[in-house]
Amino acid sequence: MRALRSHQIQWSVTITRKYHPPRKIRVFGRTPAEALLGAVSSVREVWGIWDAKSFGVPERK
């Protein structure tokens, strides 16, 4: 995950999973769309979630 910079905002994204209960992860980005792209791209490598079904709307932290 990239380091938090002054122009980035911390977001919380809920991930609906196939075999486990939903989980909230924290991602960084300037806009909700950028935060969602960050969540999608890092969910497997960074968070170790392999059964993600859907991603919720990013909420500002």
N, C-alpha and C. Protein backbone atom coordinates (compact mmCIF):
# COMPACT_ATOMS: atom_id res chain seq x y z
N MET A 1 0.83 -1.16 0.00
CA MET A 1 0.00 0.00 0.00
C MET A 1 0.89 1.24 0.00
N ARG A 2 0.47 2.24 -0.73
CA ARG A 2 1.26 3.45 -0.82
C ARG A 2 1.17 4.25 0.47
N ALA A 3 2.17 5.05 0.72
CA ALA A 3 2.20 5.89 1.91
C ALA A 3 1.19 7.02 1.77
N LEU A 4 0.63 7.45 2.89
CA LEU A 4 -0.34 8.53 2.89
C LEU A 4 0.37 9.85 2.62
N ARG A 5 -0.08 10.55 1.61
CA ARG A 5 0.48 11.86 1.29
C ARG A 5 -0.52 12.92 1.72
N SER A 6 -0.10 14.16 1.72
CA SER A 6 -0.96 15.23 2.21
C SER A 6 -2.22 15.41 1.37
N HIS A 7 -2.18 15.06 0.09
CA HIS A 7 -3.35 15.25 -0.77
C HIS A 7 -4.23 14.01 -0.86
N GLN A 8 -3.88 12.94 -0.17
CA GLN A 8 -4.69 11.73 -0.20
C GLN A 8 -5.56 11.65 1.05
N ILE A 9 -6.72 11.04 0.88
CA ILE A 9 -7.69 10.89 1.96
C ILE A 9 -7.81 9.40 2.27
N GLN A 10 -8.05 9.10 3.53
CA GLN A 10 -8.24 7.71 3.94
C GLN A 10 -9.72 7.35 3.76
N TRP A 11 -9.97 6.20 3.13
CA TRP A 11 -11.32 5.73 2.86
C TRP A 11 -11.51 4.33 3.43
N SER A 12 -12.75 3.99 3.73
CA SER A 12 -13.10 2.66 4.20
C SER A 12 -14.01 2.02 3.15
N VAL A 13 -13.66 0.82 2.69
CA VAL A 13 -14.42 0.12 1.66
C VAL A 13 -14.86 -1.22 2.23
N THR A 14 -16.16 -1.53 2.12
CA THR A 14 -16.68 -2.82 2.56
C THR A 14 -16.63 -3.81 1.40
N ILE A 15 -16.06 -4.97 1.68
CA ILE A 15 -15.93 -6.02 0.68
C ILE A 15 -16.87 -7.16 1.06
N THR A 16 -17.78 -7.50 0.14
CA THR A 16 -18.65 -8.65 0.33
C THR A 16 -17.89 -9.87 -0.17
N ARG A 17 -17.89 -10.93 0.65
CA ARG A 17 -17.10 -12.10 0.32
C ARG A 17 -17.99 -13.31 0.08
N LYS A 18 -17.47 -14.27 -0.67
CA LYS A 18 -18.25 -15.45 -1.02
C LYS A 18 -18.32 -16.46 0.12
N TYR A 19 -17.21 -16.72 0.77
CA TYR A 19 -17.17 -17.78 1.78
C TYR A 19 -17.01 -17.27 3.21
N HIS A 20 -16.86 -15.96 3.40
CA HIS A 20 -16.62 -15.39 4.72
C HIS A 20 -17.50 -14.16 4.91
N PRO A 21 -17.63 -13.67 6.15
CA PRO A 21 -18.42 -12.46 6.38
C PRO A 21 -17.78 -11.24 5.71
N PRO A 22 -18.57 -10.19 5.46
CA PRO A 22 -18.02 -8.96 4.86
C PRO A 22 -16.89 -8.39 5.71
N ARG A 23 -16.01 -7.65 5.06
CA ARG A 23 -14.86 -7.08 5.76
C ARG A 23 -14.63 -5.65 5.26
N LYS A 24 -14.24 -4.78 6.18
CA LYS A 24 -13.91 -3.40 5.82
C LYS A 24 -12.40 -3.27 5.75
N ILE A 25 -11.92 -2.65 4.67
CA ILE A 25 -10.50 -2.38 4.53
C ILE A 25 -10.30 -0.88 4.37
N ARG A 26 -9.10 -0.41 4.70
CA ARG A 26 -8.76 1.00 4.55
C ARG A 26 -7.86 1.19 3.34
N VAL A 27 -8.22 2.15 2.51
CA VAL A 27 -7.42 2.48 1.33
C VAL A 27 -7.24 3.99 1.28
N PHE A 28 -6.34 4.44 0.42
CA PHE A 28 -6.05 5.86 0.30
C PHE A 28 -6.29 6.32 -1.13
N GLY A 29 -6.73 7.56 -1.27
CA GLY A 29 -6.94 8.14 -2.60
C GLY A 29 -7.49 9.54 -2.49
N ARG A 30 -7.45 10.26 -3.60
CA ARG A 30 -7.96 11.64 -3.60
C ARG A 30 -9.47 11.68 -3.79
N THR A 31 -10.03 10.72 -4.53
CA THR A 31 -11.46 10.68 -4.82
C THR A 31 -12.01 9.30 -4.46
N PRO A 32 -13.35 9.18 -4.34
CA PRO A 32 -13.92 7.85 -4.08
C PRO A 32 -13.58 6.85 -5.19
N ALA A 33 -13.56 7.31 -6.43
CA ALA A 33 -13.24 6.40 -7.54
C ALA A 33 -11.81 5.89 -7.44
N GLU A 34 -10.88 6.77 -7.09
CA GLU A 34 -9.48 6.36 -6.93
C GLU A 34 -9.32 5.39 -5.76
N ALA A 35 -10.07 5.62 -4.69
CA ALA A 35 -10.03 4.72 -3.54
C ALA A 35 -10.57 3.34 -3.91
N LEU A 36 -11.64 3.31 -4.69
CA LEU A 36 -12.21 2.03 -5.11
C LEU A 36 -11.25 1.28 -6.02
N LEU A 37 -10.59 1.96 -6.93
CA LEU A 37 -9.59 1.31 -7.78
C LEU A 37 -8.44 0.77 -6.96
N GLY A 38 -8.03 1.51 -5.93
CA GLY A 38 -6.98 1.03 -5.05
C GLY A 38 -7.39 -0.21 -4.28
N ALA A 39 -8.66 -0.25 -3.87
CA ALA A 39 -9.16 -1.42 -3.15
C ALA A 39 -9.20 -2.65 -4.04
N VAL A 40 -9.68 -2.46 -5.26
CA VAL A 40 -9.78 -3.59 -6.20
C VAL A 40 -8.39 -4.12 -6.54
N SER A 41 -7.44 -3.22 -6.76
CA SER A 41 -6.11 -3.68 -7.17
C SER A 41 -5.30 -4.29 -6.02
N SER A 42 -5.61 -3.92 -4.78
CA SER A 42 -4.78 -4.42 -3.67
C SER A 42 -5.46 -5.47 -2.81
N VAL A 43 -6.70 -5.83 -3.11
CA VAL A 43 -7.42 -6.74 -2.21
C VAL A 43 -6.74 -8.11 -2.10
N ARG A 44 -6.19 -8.62 -3.16
CA ARG A 44 -5.53 -9.94 -3.09
C ARG A 44 -4.11 -9.85 -2.57
N GLU A 45 -3.33 -8.94 -3.13
CA GLU A 45 -1.91 -8.88 -2.78
C GLU A 45 -1.67 -8.35 -1.38
N VAL A 46 -2.36 -7.29 -1.01
CA VAL A 46 -2.11 -6.64 0.27
C VAL A 46 -2.92 -7.26 1.39
N TRP A 47 -4.21 -7.49 1.14
CA TRP A 47 -5.10 -7.93 2.21
C TRP A 47 -5.29 -9.44 2.26
N GLY A 48 -4.90 -10.17 1.24
CA GLY A 48 -5.03 -11.63 1.24
C GLY A 48 -6.45 -12.12 1.12
N ILE A 49 -7.32 -11.34 0.48
CA ILE A 49 -8.72 -11.74 0.30
C ILE A 49 -8.88 -12.26 -1.12
N TRP A 50 -9.17 -13.55 -1.23
CA TRP A 50 -9.26 -14.19 -2.55
C TRP A 50 -10.70 -14.46 -2.98
N ASP A 51 -11.66 -14.26 -2.09
CA ASP A 51 -13.05 -14.60 -2.42
C ASP A 51 -13.96 -13.37 -2.47
N ALA A 52 -13.42 -12.23 -2.89
CA ALA A 52 -14.21 -10.99 -2.94
C ALA A 52 -15.28 -11.10 -4.03
N LYS A 53 -16.52 -10.75 -3.67
CA LYS A 53 -17.62 -10.76 -4.63
C LYS A 53 -17.96 -9.36 -5.11
N SER A 54 -18.04 -8.42 -4.18
CA SER A 54 -18.39 -7.05 -4.56
C SER A 54 -17.74 -6.06 -3.61
N PHE A 55 -17.66 -4.83 -4.07
CA PHE A 55 -17.04 -3.75 -3.30
C PHE A 55 -18.08 -2.67 -3.05
N GLY A 56 -18.15 -2.22 -1.80
CA GLY A 56 -19.10 -1.17 -1.45
C GLY A 56 -18.59 0.21 -1.82
N VAL A 57 -19.43 1.20 -1.62
CA VAL A 57 -19.08 2.58 -1.90
C VAL A 57 -18.08 3.05 -0.85
N PRO A 58 -16.97 3.66 -1.24
CA PRO A 58 -15.99 4.13 -0.27
C PRO A 58 -16.57 5.20 0.66
N GLU A 59 -16.31 5.06 1.95
CA GLU A 59 -16.74 6.03 2.95
C GLU A 59 -15.51 6.75 3.47
N ARG A 60 -15.63 8.04 3.60
CA ARG A 60 -14.49 8.85 4.07
C ARG A 60 -14.27 8.60 5.55
N LYS A 61 -13.00 8.39 5.93
CA LYS A 61 -12.65 8.14 7.33
C LYS A 61 -12.28 9.42 8.02
